[in-house]
Structures are given as structure tokens and as C-alpha cells.
Amino acid sequence: MKTSVIIPSYDPTKKLSVTLESLKEQFSFIDELIVIVDNDIYGDFLKSLEEKYSPVINIKIFPQANAGRARSRNRGVELSTGDLIIFLDDDMLVEGRLIEKHISYHSKNKGVIVSGNGYRNPIDATSHFGKFLIEMENGWKEQSPEIGEITFKAFNFTACNMSLPKICFEQLNGFDPRFKDGEDFDFAVRAINSGIPILYDRSLLAWHNDWPEIDTFIRRQNEYTSAKNEIAKAHPKYLKHFPNLITSQANSGKKFLASIVRGTIAKSVIAKNRIFEALPLSIKFIFYRLVISSYSSINR
């Protein structure tokens, strides 16, 4: 079984090198490593990256004009020669025998998609907001099994740590390039509807090495909310299984309360002034939730 690992990257200068270093001990299980750089301004950096890793792995780096994550992943598959495709994001810290474990899954289970851990590593949470992100993700973990088949009732999927036979990817026509976010959600729904099993195993460890500040987190959340609305408009049948895909607009009372939070508490939280920094962590967490909710797109 020939294995192709595909990593899309918008800014390879940030964390891609750390991701590749975390993969280094598993290079022997990778027949080709394809990096699609969704930005064509990093010529010198990419040349140095290729020179560093080409002696130890068959690495191929392809820059392109910005086209989005879905198109980047699709192009990676088009350029690949492997039978098995493994997707990773460019900010992942890969642990243990991840690649070997993905390959083992497919040697025992034909025609399936495999998805692994895509959370952040709790031991790397150094900031107060980072610790809040871990608490939030722990809540998500409690809502899904550690291992099992993904269904509409037990849905837990990410493409940042995913593998599948190339033929299955082509059967699903890849990721939908219309969606700038949430394209992996759409991909999984289409896979389930097509009868392709998706197996989830949280012990397939690759940690997101991404620790945004609260303002960046809020922006991303609102982008994802907008993306889900676009997906629902394109596929209204999805609402049968995911009725909350389209988020209802808040009433005037909630919008008014949200505006008060944005004008008071939020300023202290985002600026991290001395008063806020002096608060106990549990109170900070409450304020984080209030501020994130107040900036939610449904309250604006």
C-alpha cells in the first residue's frame, strides 16, 4: 500500500516546520509527502524547506495562488500517486506511531475513512485563554465516544487527521470548493450518505499546535457559523440530521445584553487589563464565555 501524506498550508513560515519535525521519526512509513502552499509568495522559504527534507523523504511542495483549503486538499490528491491518502493540517504535532496506525486501520478495514484526534494538547496550554480552550474541548470530548463509527447521531469528525483510500476520495469528488470553512463537515456527511463508513479513534494522536487569543477565536467562530449557513443553503436536506446547522438570530433583548457586554466586560477581557488578570481562573472562564457569546454573529 503506497501512502501519500498531504498537508495544505497558507503560511508555511509559521508552524509547518514544527509539524514536519514531529513527523520525522515516521518518514519511513510515508512514500510521498505533498505540501500544497495556498499562497505563492514564499519561494525562498519553500526552496530551503525542500532542500532540508528531500534527503530524508520524498517531499513535493507546490505553491499556488490562494484558492482555499478545500481546493488545496483536492489538488494534493490530484498530484498524489499513493493508494492511501493521509491528511494533516500544517499546525499539527504528531505523536507516536500515527502514520503506522492509520496504515494498519486500512489494512484491516477496506473502503473506510479514518479520523483521529484533532484537539489541543492540555500540557501545552500556558495562557489563561489556552486553558479555557482545553476546558471547552473537554466538553466536546464528553459528547462523543473515544472510538467507534461516526454516524449522524454520534458525529465527531475532522479532516486535520484523516485517512482514506484515494478511490474513496475520488468517489466523493473530494472536498466541495464552494465552502471556505466547514468543508470537512460536508465531506463527512456526503460520505455517510454514500455508505462509506467513517471510523473515529481518539488514540490516533495529532495535536493542534494553535493557541489563538480570544479576538482571533471569536473571528474564527463567526466565520464557521457563516460557513455552516452556506452549507445548509446548499444542502437543505442536512437539516434533517443537523437542525442547528442554521443558527437562529437572537431576539432584540439578547442583542441588547450582548451590546452591553461588548461595551463593558469585553473591553477588559480582550485588553487583558490588570483588573481582569487579577481574577480567579474560574471567573475568567465565565467572562470568556460571556464575551464570546456577545460577539457571536447571531447577536450582532
C-alpha atoms as a PDB file:
ATOM      1  CA  MET A   1       0.000   0.000   0.000  1.00  0.00           C
ATOM      2  CA  LYS A   2       1.605   3.258  -1.153  1.00  0.00           C
ATOM      3  CA  THR A   3       0.949   6.135   1.247  1.00  0.00           C
ATOM      4  CA  SER A   4       0.723   9.840   0.416  1.00  0.00           C
ATOM      5  CA  VAL A   5       0.579  12.407   3.229  1.00  0.00           C
ATOM      6  CA  ILE A   6      -0.985  15.708   2.149  1.00  0.00           C
ATOM      7  CA  ILE A   7      -0.600  18.949   4.103  1.00  0.00           C
ATOM      8  CA  PRO A   8      -2.288  22.182   2.967  1.00  0.00           C
ATOM      9  CA  SER A   9      -0.651  25.366   4.241  1.00  0.00           C
ATOM     10  CA  TYR A  10      -1.498  29.044   3.876  1.00  0.00           C
ATOM     11  CA  ASP A  11       1.554  30.433   5.699  1.00  0.00           C
ATOM     12  CA  PRO A  12       4.281  27.753   5.846  1.00  0.00           C
ATOM     13  CA  THR A  13       6.630  30.026   7.803  1.00  0.00           C
ATOM     14  CA  LYS A  14       4.507  29.776  10.963  1.00  0.00           C
ATOM     15  CA  LYS A  15       4.317  26.159  12.098  1.00  0.00           C
ATOM     16  CA  LEU A  16       4.832  23.846   9.141  1.00  0.00           C
ATOM     17  CA  SER A  17       8.477  23.156  10.036  1.00  0.00           C
ATOM     18  CA  VAL A  18       7.434  22.100  13.562  1.00  0.00           C
ATOM     19  CA  THR A  19       4.831  19.761  12.070  1.00  0.00           C
ATOM     20  CA  LEU A  20       7.390  18.181   9.749  1.00  0.00           C
ATOM     21  CA  GLU A  21       9.829  17.712  12.623  1.00  0.00           C
ATOM     22  CA  SER A  22       7.124  15.927  14.632  1.00  0.00           C
ATOM     23  CA  LEU A  23       6.649  13.576  11.645  1.00  0.00           C
ATOM     24  CA  LYS A  24      10.349  12.889  11.180  1.00  0.00           C
ATOM     25  CA  GLU A  25      10.515   9.580  13.009  1.00  0.00           C
ATOM     26  CA  GLN A  26       7.656   8.276  10.845  1.00  0.00           C
ATOM     27  CA  PHE A  27       9.066   9.233   7.442  1.00  0.00           C
ATOM     28  CA  SER A  28       9.817   5.557   6.704  1.00  0.00           C
ATOM     29  CA  PHE A  29       6.063   4.866   6.512  1.00  0.00           C
ATOM     30  CA  ILE A  30       5.445   7.716   4.045  1.00  0.00           C
ATOM     31  CA  ASP A  31       6.043   7.147   0.334  1.00  0.00           C
ATOM     32  CA  GLU A  32       5.485  10.778  -0.561  1.00  0.00           C
ATOM     33  CA  LEU A  33       4.826  13.949   1.402  1.00  0.00           C
ATOM     34  CA  ILE A  34       2.908  16.594  -0.553  1.00  0.00           C
ATOM     35  CA  VAL A  35       2.645  20.151   0.744  1.00  0.00           C
ATOM     36  CA  ILE A  36       0.216  22.456  -1.049  1.00  0.00           C
ATOM     37  CA  VAL A  37       1.055  26.066  -0.188  1.00  0.00           C
ATOM     38  CA  ASP A  38      -2.074  28.130  -0.781  1.00  0.00           C
ATOM     39  CA  ASN A  39      -0.051  31.309  -1.262  1.00  0.00           C
ATOM     40  CA  ASP A  40       2.618  31.889  -3.882  1.00  0.00           C
ATOM     41  CA  ILE A  41       4.865  34.393  -2.074  1.00  0.00           C
ATOM     42  CA  TYR A  42       7.158  32.028  -0.153  1.00  0.00           C
ATOM     43  CA  GLY A  43       9.545  30.893  -2.896  1.00  0.00           C
ATOM     44  CA  ASP A  44      12.836  31.152  -0.993  1.00  0.00           C
ATOM     45  CA  PHE A  45      11.432  29.609   2.192  1.00  0.00           C
ATOM     46  CA  LEU A  46       9.936  26.676   0.292  1.00  0.00           C
ATOM     47  CA  LYS A  47      13.207  26.091  -1.533  1.00  0.00           C
ATOM     48  CA  SER A  48      15.094  25.889   1.765  1.00  0.00           C
ATOM     49  CA  LEU A  49      12.417  23.583   3.205  1.00  0.00           C
ATOM     50  CA  GLU A  50      12.670  21.244   0.243  1.00  0.00           C
ATOM     51  CA  GLU A  51      16.463  21.213   0.439  1.00  0.00           C
ATOM     52  CA  LYS A  52      16.330  20.332   4.147  1.00  0.00           C
ATOM     53  CA  TYR A  53      13.899  17.420   3.894  1.00  0.00           C
ATOM     54  CA  SER A  54      14.423  15.973   0.401  1.00  0.00           C
ATOM     55  CA  PRO A  55      17.461  13.904   1.541  1.00  0.00           C
ATOM     56  CA  VAL A  56      15.292  12.059   4.099  1.00  0.00           C
ATOM     57  CA  ILE A  57      11.841  11.907   2.495  1.00  0.00           C
ATOM     58  CA  ASN A  58      10.201  12.167  -0.904  1.00  0.00           C
ATOM     59  CA  ILE A  59       8.804  15.660  -0.348  1.00  0.00           C
ATOM     60  CA  LYS A  60       6.973  17.646  -3.017  1.00  0.00           C
ATOM     61  CA  ILE A  61       5.979  21.268  -2.413  1.00  0.00           C
ATOM     62  CA  PHE A  62       3.520  23.006  -4.715  1.00  0.00           C
ATOM     63  CA  PRO A  63       2.740  26.720  -4.261  1.00  0.00           C
ATOM     64  CA  GLN A  64      -0.415  28.169  -5.796  1.00  0.00           C
ATOM     65  CA  ALA A  65      -2.444  31.359  -5.851  1.00  0.00           C
ATOM     66  CA  ASN A  66      -4.822  31.474  -2.891  1.00  0.00           C
ATOM     67  CA  ALA A  67      -7.725  29.121  -3.610  1.00  0.00           C
ATOM     68  CA  GLY A  68      -8.844  27.921  -0.185  1.00  0.00           C
ATOM     69  CA  ARG A  69      -8.311  24.812   1.917  1.00  0.00           C
ATOM     70  CA  ALA A  70     -10.758  22.579   0.020  1.00  0.00           C
ATOM     71  CA  ARG A  71      -9.105  23.242  -3.352  1.00  0.00           C
ATOM     72  CA  SER A  72      -5.662  22.810  -1.764  1.00  0.00           C
ATOM     73  CA  ARG A  73      -6.537  19.384  -0.414  1.00  0.00           C
ATOM     74  CA  ASN A  74      -8.139  18.393  -3.708  1.00  0.00           C
ATOM     75  CA  ARG A  75      -5.053  19.444  -5.631  1.00  0.00           C
ATOM     76  CA  GLY A  76      -2.867  17.463  -3.270  1.00  0.00           C
ATOM     77  CA  VAL A  77      -4.838  14.320  -4.081  1.00  0.00           C
ATOM     78  CA  GLU A  78      -4.719  15.050  -7.810  1.00  0.00           C
ATOM     79  CA  LEU A  79      -0.921  15.266  -7.635  1.00  0.00           C
ATOM     80  CA  SER A  80      -0.533  12.212  -5.394  1.00  0.00           C
ATOM     81  CA  THR A  81       0.457   8.730  -6.529  1.00  0.00           C
ATOM     82  CA  GLY A  82      -0.478   6.840  -3.355  1.00  0.00           C
ATOM     83  CA  ASP A  83      -3.269   4.339  -2.813  1.00  0.00           C
ATOM     84  CA  LEU A  84      -3.818   5.657   0.717  1.00  0.00           C
ATOM     85  CA  ILE A  85      -4.216   9.372   1.438  1.00  0.00           C
ATOM     86  CA  ILE A  86      -3.484  10.817   4.880  1.00  0.00           C
ATOM     87  CA  PHE A  87      -4.417  14.447   5.521  1.00  0.00           C
ATOM     88  CA  LEU A  88      -2.787  16.583   8.193  1.00  0.00           C
ATOM     89  CA  ASP A  89      -3.040  20.302   8.877  1.00  0.00           C
ATOM     90  CA  ASP A  90       0.138  22.372   8.890  1.00  0.00           C
ATOM     91  CA  ASP A  91      -0.089  23.091  12.631  1.00  0.00           C
ATOM     92  CA  MET A  92      -0.240  19.525  13.939  1.00  0.00           C
ATOM     93  CA  LEU A  93       2.107  17.900  16.438  1.00  0.00           C
ATOM     94  CA  VAL A  94       2.149  14.224  15.513  1.00  0.00           C
ATOM     95  CA  GLU A  95       2.725  11.659  18.228  1.00  0.00           C
ATOM     96  CA  GLY A  96       3.749   8.038  18.462  1.00  0.00           C
ATOM     97  CA  ARG A  97       3.020   5.733  15.560  1.00  0.00           C
ATOM     98  CA  LEU A  98       0.289   7.840  13.954  1.00  0.00           C
ATOM     99  CA  ILE A  99       1.107   7.086  10.305  1.00  0.00           C
ATOM    100  CA  GLU A 100       1.680   3.402  11.024  1.00  0.00           C
ATOM    101  CA  LYS A 101      -1.641   3.242  12.894  1.00  0.00           C
ATOM    102  CA  HIS A 102      -3.530   4.848  10.013  1.00  0.00           C
ATOM    103  CA  ILE A 103      -1.991   2.340   7.604  1.00  0.00           C
ATOM    104  CA  SER A 104      -2.875  -0.529   9.962  1.00  0.00           C
ATOM    105  CA  TYR A 105      -6.514   0.583  10.107  1.00  0.00           C
ATOM    106  CA  HIS A 106      -6.774   0.360   6.327  1.00  0.00           C
ATOM    107  CA  SER A 107      -5.006  -2.988   6.101  1.00  0.00           C
ATOM    108  CA  LYS A 108      -7.745  -4.378   8.362  1.00  0.00           C
ATOM    109  CA  ASN A 109     -10.723  -2.322   7.088  1.00  0.00           C
ATOM    110  CA  LYS A 110     -11.243  -1.896   3.367  1.00  0.00           C
ATOM    111  CA  GLY A 111     -13.004   1.127   1.874  1.00  0.00           C
ATOM    112  CA  VAL A 112     -13.283   3.192   5.064  1.00  0.00           C
ATOM    113  CA  ILE A 113     -12.411   6.698   6.191  1.00  0.00           C
ATOM    114  CA  VAL A 114     -10.446   7.034   9.427  1.00  0.00           C
ATOM    115  CA  SER A 115     -10.410  10.178  11.576  1.00  0.00           C
ATOM    116  CA  GLY A 116      -8.299  10.758  14.679  1.00  0.00           C
ATOM    117  CA  ASN A 117      -7.710  13.270  17.451  1.00  0.00           C
ATOM    118  CA  GLY A 118      -7.729  16.903  16.380  1.00  0.00           C
ATOM    119  CA  TYR A 119      -7.749  18.608  19.771  1.00  0.00           C
ATOM    120  CA  ARG A 120      -5.066  20.662  21.508  1.00  0.00           C
ATOM    121  CA  ASN A 121      -2.672  19.082  23.959  1.00  0.00           C
ATOM    122  CA  PRO A 122      -3.601  20.129  27.539  1.00  0.00           C
ATOM    123  CA  ILE A 123       0.053  20.160  28.631  1.00  0.00           C
ATOM    124  CA  ASP A 124       0.783  22.907  26.088  1.00  0.00           C
ATOM    125  CA  ALA A 125      -1.896  25.268  27.431  1.00  0.00           C
ATOM    126  CA  THR A 126       0.141  28.027  29.042  1.00  0.00           C
ATOM    127  CA  SER A 127      -2.142  31.068  28.762  1.00  0.00           C
ATOM    128  CA  HIS A 128      -5.408  31.517  30.646  1.00  0.00           C
ATOM    129  CA  PHE A 129      -7.375  31.536  27.404  1.00  0.00           C
ATOM    130  CA  GLY A 130      -5.490  28.431  26.296  1.00  0.00           C
ATOM    131  CA  LYS A 131      -6.671  26.676  29.458  1.00  0.00           C
ATOM    132  CA  PHE A 132     -10.205  27.825  28.649  1.00  0.00           C
ATOM    133  CA  LEU A 133      -9.905  26.263  25.178  1.00  0.00           C
ATOM    134  CA  ILE A 134      -8.888  22.967  26.783  1.00  0.00           C
ATOM    135  CA  GLU A 135     -11.901  23.049  29.119  1.00  0.00           C
ATOM    136  CA  MET A 136     -14.177  23.743  26.151  1.00  0.00           C
ATOM    137  CA  GLU A 137     -12.668  20.863  24.157  1.00  0.00           C
ATOM    138  CA  ASN A 138     -13.022  18.536  27.147  1.00  0.00           C
ATOM    139  CA  GLY A 139     -16.745  19.272  26.996  1.00  0.00           C
ATOM    140  CA  TRP A 140     -16.810  18.270  23.332  1.00  0.00           C
ATOM    141  CA  LYS A 141     -14.943  15.047  24.130  1.00  0.00           C
ATOM    142  CA  GLU A 142     -17.581  14.075  26.694  1.00  0.00           C
ATOM    143  CA  GLN A 143     -20.241  14.262  23.977  1.00  0.00           C
ATOM    144  CA  SER A 144     -18.544  11.712  21.716  1.00  0.00           C
ATOM    145  CA  PRO A 145     -17.114   8.211  22.154  1.00  0.00           C
ATOM    146  CA  GLU A 146     -13.345   7.672  22.174  1.00  0.00           C
ATOM    147  CA  ILE A 147     -13.607   5.090  19.435  1.00  0.00           C
ATOM    148  CA  GLY A 148     -16.316   3.913  17.058  1.00  0.00           C
ATOM    149  CA  GLU A 149     -18.113   4.541  13.805  1.00  0.00           C
ATOM    150  CA  ILE A 150     -19.222   8.087  13.086  1.00  0.00           C
ATOM    151  CA  THR A 151     -22.960   8.434  12.466  1.00  0.00           C
ATOM    152  CA  PHE A 152     -25.386  11.321  12.328  1.00  0.00           C
ATOM    153  CA  LYS A 153     -26.218  10.652  15.981  1.00  0.00           C
ATOM    154  CA  ALA A 154     -22.584  10.253  17.046  1.00  0.00           C
ATOM    155  CA  PHE A 155     -20.839  12.792  14.851  1.00  0.00           C
ATOM    156  CA  ASN A 156     -17.239  13.672  15.580  1.00  0.00           C
ATOM    157  CA  PHE A 157     -15.080  14.293  12.524  1.00  0.00           C
ATOM    158  CA  THR A 158     -12.130  16.375  11.413  1.00  0.00           C
ATOM    159  CA  ALA A 159     -10.000  16.282   8.275  1.00  0.00           C
ATOM    160  CA  CYS A 160      -6.913  17.604  10.075  1.00  0.00           C
ATOM    161  CA  ASN A 161      -6.022  13.995  10.974  1.00  0.00           C
ATOM    162  CA  MET A 162      -7.788  11.789   8.445  1.00  0.00           C
ATOM    163  CA  SER A 163      -7.003   8.939   6.075  1.00  0.00           C
ATOM    164  CA  LEU A 164      -8.841   7.150   3.291  1.00  0.00           C
ATOM    165  CA  PRO A 165      -8.205   5.212   0.087  1.00  0.00           C
ATOM    166  CA  LYS A 166      -7.700   7.524  -2.868  1.00  0.00           C
ATOM    167  CA  ILE A 167     -10.501   5.733  -4.693  1.00  0.00           C
ATOM    168  CA  CYS A 168     -12.963   6.709  -1.921  1.00  0.00           C
ATOM    169  CA  PHE A 169     -11.875  10.333  -2.122  1.00  0.00           C
ATOM    170  CA  GLU A 170     -12.482  10.311  -5.875  1.00  0.00           C
ATOM    171  CA  GLN A 171     -15.838   8.583  -5.401  1.00  0.00           C
ATOM    172  CA  LEU A 172     -16.924  11.543  -3.233  1.00  0.00           C
ATOM    173  CA  ASN A 173     -15.479  14.080  -5.705  1.00  0.00           C
ATOM    174  CA  GLY A 174     -13.216  15.436  -2.981  1.00  0.00           C
ATOM    175  CA  PHE A 175     -13.946  18.469  -0.834  1.00  0.00           C
ATOM    176  CA  ASP A 176     -16.517  20.949  -2.087  1.00  0.00           C
ATOM    177  CA  PRO A 177     -14.516  24.057  -3.153  1.00  0.00           C
ATOM    178  CA  ARG A 178     -17.555  26.289  -2.635  1.00  0.00           C
ATOM    179  CA  PHE A 179     -17.022  26.110   1.110  1.00  0.00           C
ATOM    180  CA  LYS A 180     -14.172  28.114   2.635  1.00  0.00           C
ATOM    181  CA  ASP A 181     -14.794  26.563   6.051  1.00  0.00           C
ATOM    182  CA  GLY A 182     -16.679  23.511   7.260  1.00  0.00           C
ATOM    183  CA  GLU A 183     -15.729  21.630   4.098  1.00  0.00           C
ATOM    184  CA  ASP A 184     -14.718  18.607   6.203  1.00  0.00           C
ATOM    185  CA  PHE A 185     -18.174  18.539   7.847  1.00  0.00           C
ATOM    186  CA  ASP A 186     -19.775  18.484   4.402  1.00  0.00           C
ATOM    187  CA  PHE A 187     -17.340  15.791   3.269  1.00  0.00           C
ATOM    188  CA  ALA A 188     -18.239  13.534   6.187  1.00  0.00           C
ATOM    189  CA  VAL A 189     -21.981  13.974   5.662  1.00  0.00           C
ATOM    190  CA  ARG A 190     -21.636  13.047   1.997  1.00  0.00           C
ATOM    191  CA  ALA A 191     -19.538  10.020   2.944  1.00  0.00           C
ATOM    192  CA  ILE A 192     -22.182   8.737   5.383  1.00  0.00           C
ATOM    193  CA  ASN A 193     -24.926   9.323   2.816  1.00  0.00           C
ATOM    194  CA  SER A 194     -22.841   7.376   0.271  1.00  0.00           C
ATOM    195  CA  GLY A 195     -22.484   4.417   2.614  1.00  0.00           C
ATOM    196  CA  ILE A 196     -18.742   4.861   3.225  1.00  0.00           C
ATOM    197  CA  PRO A 197     -18.003   4.009   6.883  1.00  0.00           C
ATOM    198  CA  ILE A 198     -16.093   6.601   8.924  1.00  0.00           C
ATOM    199  CA  LEU A 199     -14.160   5.210  11.873  1.00  0.00           C
ATOM    200  CA  TYR A 200     -13.067   7.537  14.681  1.00  0.00           C
ATOM    201  CA  ASP A 201     -10.255   6.756  17.098  1.00  0.00           C
ATOM    202  CA  ARG A 202      -9.112   9.428  19.548  1.00  0.00           C
ATOM    203  CA  SER A 203      -5.900   7.486  20.212  1.00  0.00           C
ATOM    204  CA  LEU A 204      -4.695   8.440  16.728  1.00  0.00           C
ATOM    205  CA  LEU A 205      -2.839  11.386  18.192  1.00  0.00           C
ATOM    206  CA  ALA A 206      -2.060  14.574  16.335  1.00  0.00           C
ATOM    207  CA  TRP A 207      -2.448  17.732  18.414  1.00  0.00           C
ATOM    208  CA  HIS A 208      -3.405  21.134  17.042  1.00  0.00           C
ATOM    209  CA  ASN A 209      -0.476  23.453  17.735  1.00  0.00           C
ATOM    210  CA  ASP A 210      -2.673  26.538  17.554  1.00  0.00           C
ATOM    211  CA  TRP A 211      -3.365  28.826  20.513  1.00  0.00           C
ATOM    212  CA  PRO A 212      -5.338  31.901  19.353  1.00  0.00           C
ATOM    213  CA  GLU A 213      -6.165  34.897  21.508  1.00  0.00           C
ATOM    214  CA  ILE A 214      -9.846  35.464  22.243  1.00  0.00           C
ATOM    215  CA  ASP A 215     -10.369  38.030  19.464  1.00  0.00           C
ATOM    216  CA  THR A 216      -8.966  35.649  16.838  1.00  0.00           C
ATOM    217  CA  PHE A 217     -11.046  32.801  18.257  1.00  0.00           C
ATOM    218  CA  ILE A 218     -14.231  34.905  18.025  1.00  0.00           C
ATOM    219  CA  ARG A 219     -13.499  35.810  14.397  1.00  0.00           C
ATOM    220  CA  ARG A 220     -12.954  32.153  13.502  1.00  0.00           C
ATOM    221  CA  GLN A 221     -16.136  31.078  15.269  1.00  0.00           C
ATOM    222  CA  ASN A 222     -18.163  33.621  13.337  1.00  0.00           C
ATOM    223  CA  GLU A 223     -16.556  32.513  10.091  1.00  0.00           C
ATOM    224  CA  TYR A 224     -17.533  28.934  10.891  1.00  0.00           C
ATOM    225  CA  THR A 225     -21.095  29.977  11.718  1.00  0.00           C
ATOM    226  CA  SER A 226     -21.347  31.717   8.338  1.00  0.00           C
ATOM    227  CA  ALA A 227     -19.881  28.645   6.645  1.00  0.00           C
ATOM    228  CA  LYS A 228     -22.473  26.366   8.263  1.00  0.00           C
ATOM    229  CA  ASN A 229     -25.221  28.644   6.995  1.00  0.00           C
ATOM    230  CA  GLU A 230     -23.778  28.380   3.473  1.00  0.00           C
ATOM    231  CA  ILE A 231     -23.624  24.597   3.732  1.00  0.00           C
ATOM    232  CA  ALA A 232     -27.252  24.450   4.911  1.00  0.00           C
ATOM    233  CA  LYS A 233     -28.350  26.629   1.990  1.00  0.00           C
ATOM    234  CA  ALA A 234     -26.511  24.386  -0.451  1.00  0.00           C
ATOM    235  CA  HIS A 235     -27.758  21.180   1.207  1.00  0.00           C
ATOM    236  CA  PRO A 236     -31.081  21.830   2.980  1.00  0.00           C
ATOM    237  CA  LYS A 237     -31.502  18.061   3.457  1.00  0.00           C
ATOM    238  CA  TYR A 238     -28.681  18.191   6.023  1.00  0.00           C
ATOM    239  CA  LEU A 239     -31.052  19.994   8.389  1.00  0.00           C
ATOM    240  CA  LYS A 240     -32.914  16.727   8.937  1.00  0.00           C
ATOM    241  CA  HIS A 241     -29.957  15.409  10.932  1.00  0.00           C
ATOM    242  CA  PHE A 242     -28.407  18.739  11.946  1.00  0.00           C
ATOM    243  CA  PRO A 243     -31.276  21.175  12.676  1.00  0.00           C
ATOM    244  CA  ASN A 244     -28.857  23.602  14.380  1.00  0.00           C
ATOM    245  CA  LEU A 245     -26.783  23.972  11.243  1.00  0.00           C
ATOM    246  CA  ILE A 246     -28.528  27.295  10.629  1.00  0.00           C
ATOM    247  CA  THR A 247     -28.261  29.410  13.753  1.00  0.00           C
ATOM    248  CA  SER A 248     -31.366  31.397  14.594  1.00  0.00           C
ATOM    249  CA  GLN A 249     -30.968  35.130  15.034  1.00  0.00           C
ATOM    250  CA  ALA A 250     -31.104  36.318  18.625  1.00  0.00           C
ATOM    251  CA  ASN A 251     -34.057  38.442  19.718  1.00  0.00           C
ATOM    252  CA  SER A 252     -33.675  42.162  20.413  1.00  0.00           C
ATOM    253  CA  GLY A 253     -33.313  41.576  24.175  1.00  0.00           C
ATOM    254  CA  LYS A 254     -30.352  39.234  23.771  1.00  0.00           C
ATOM    255  CA  LYS A 255     -28.760  41.575  21.253  1.00  0.00           C
ATOM    256  CA  PHE A 256     -29.127  44.456  23.701  1.00  0.00           C
ATOM    257  CA  LEU A 257     -27.496  42.464  26.525  1.00  0.00           C
ATOM    258  CA  ALA A 258     -24.717  41.402  24.157  1.00  0.00           C
ATOM    259  CA  SER A 259     -24.037  45.008  23.239  1.00  0.00           C
ATOM    260  CA  ILE A 260     -23.708  45.884  26.949  1.00  0.00           C
ATOM    261  CA  VAL A 261     -21.163  43.070  27.436  1.00  0.00           C
ATOM    262  CA  ARG A 262     -19.198  44.251  24.382  1.00  0.00           C
ATOM    263  CA  GLY A 263     -19.133  47.781  25.753  1.00  0.00           C
ATOM    264  CA  THR A 264     -18.046  46.792  29.279  1.00  0.00           C
ATOM    265  CA  ILE A 265     -16.652  43.367  30.186  1.00  0.00           C
ATOM    266  CA  ALA A 266     -15.334  42.589  26.715  1.00  0.00           C
ATOM    267  CA  LYS A 267     -13.007  45.582  26.691  1.00  0.00           C
ATOM    268  CA  SER A 268     -11.267  44.390  29.857  1.00  0.00           C
ATOM    269  CA  VAL A 269     -11.116  40.757  28.735  1.00  0.00           C
ATOM    270  CA  ILE A 270      -9.730  41.399  25.268  1.00  0.00           C
ATOM    271  CA  ALA A 271      -7.267  44.010  26.508  1.00  0.00           C
ATOM    272  CA  LYS A 272      -6.312  41.748  29.459  1.00  0.00           C
ATOM    273  CA  ASN A 273      -6.102  44.712  31.827  1.00  0.00           C
ATOM    274  CA  ARG A 274      -4.877  44.412  35.402  1.00  0.00           C
ATOM    275  CA  ILE A 275      -8.324  44.015  36.945  1.00  0.00           C
ATOM    276  CA  PHE A 276      -9.191  41.109  34.658  1.00  0.00           C
ATOM    277  CA  GLU A 277      -5.777  39.479  35.082  1.00  0.00           C
ATOM    278  CA  ALA A 278      -6.226  39.514  38.869  1.00  0.00           C
ATOM    279  CA  LEU A 279      -9.441  37.473  38.731  1.00  0.00           C
ATOM    280  CA  PRO A 280      -9.504  33.740  39.617  1.00  0.00           C
ATOM    281  CA  LEU A 281      -9.307  31.419  36.628  1.00  0.00           C
ATOM    282  CA  SER A 282     -12.872  30.161  37.148  1.00  0.00           C
ATOM    283  CA  ILE A 283     -14.218  33.736  36.903  1.00  0.00           C
ATOM    284  CA  LYS A 284     -12.084  34.373  33.817  1.00  0.00           C
ATOM    285  CA  PHE A 285     -13.711  31.351  32.182  1.00  0.00           C
ATOM    286  CA  ILE A 286     -17.175  32.793  32.865  1.00  0.00           C
ATOM    287  CA  PHE A 287     -16.150  36.116  31.344  1.00  0.00           C
ATOM    288  CA  TYR A 288     -14.634  34.365  28.316  1.00  0.00           C
ATOM    289  CA  ARG A 289     -17.959  32.648  27.657  1.00  0.00           C
ATOM    290  CA  LEU A 290     -19.889  35.902  28.046  1.00  0.00           C
ATOM    291  CA  VAL A 291     -17.601  37.789  25.683  1.00  0.00           C
ATOM    292  CA  ILE A 292     -17.553  35.037  23.038  1.00  0.00           C
ATOM    293  CA  SER A 293     -21.348  34.843  23.164  1.00  0.00           C
ATOM    294  CA  SER A 294     -21.693  38.638  22.924  1.00  0.00           C
ATOM    295  CA  TYR A 295     -19.618  38.715  19.751  1.00  0.00           C
ATOM    296  CA  SER A 296     -21.425  35.761  18.190  1.00  0.00           C
ATOM    297  CA  SER A 297     -22.723  36.633  14.736  1.00  0.00           C
ATOM    298  CA  ILE A 298     -26.300  35.928  15.883  1.00  0.00           C
ATOM    299  CA  ASN A 299     -26.025  38.732  18.451  1.00  0.00           C
ATOM    300  CA  ARG A 300     -24.637  41.377  16.136  1.00  0.00           C
END
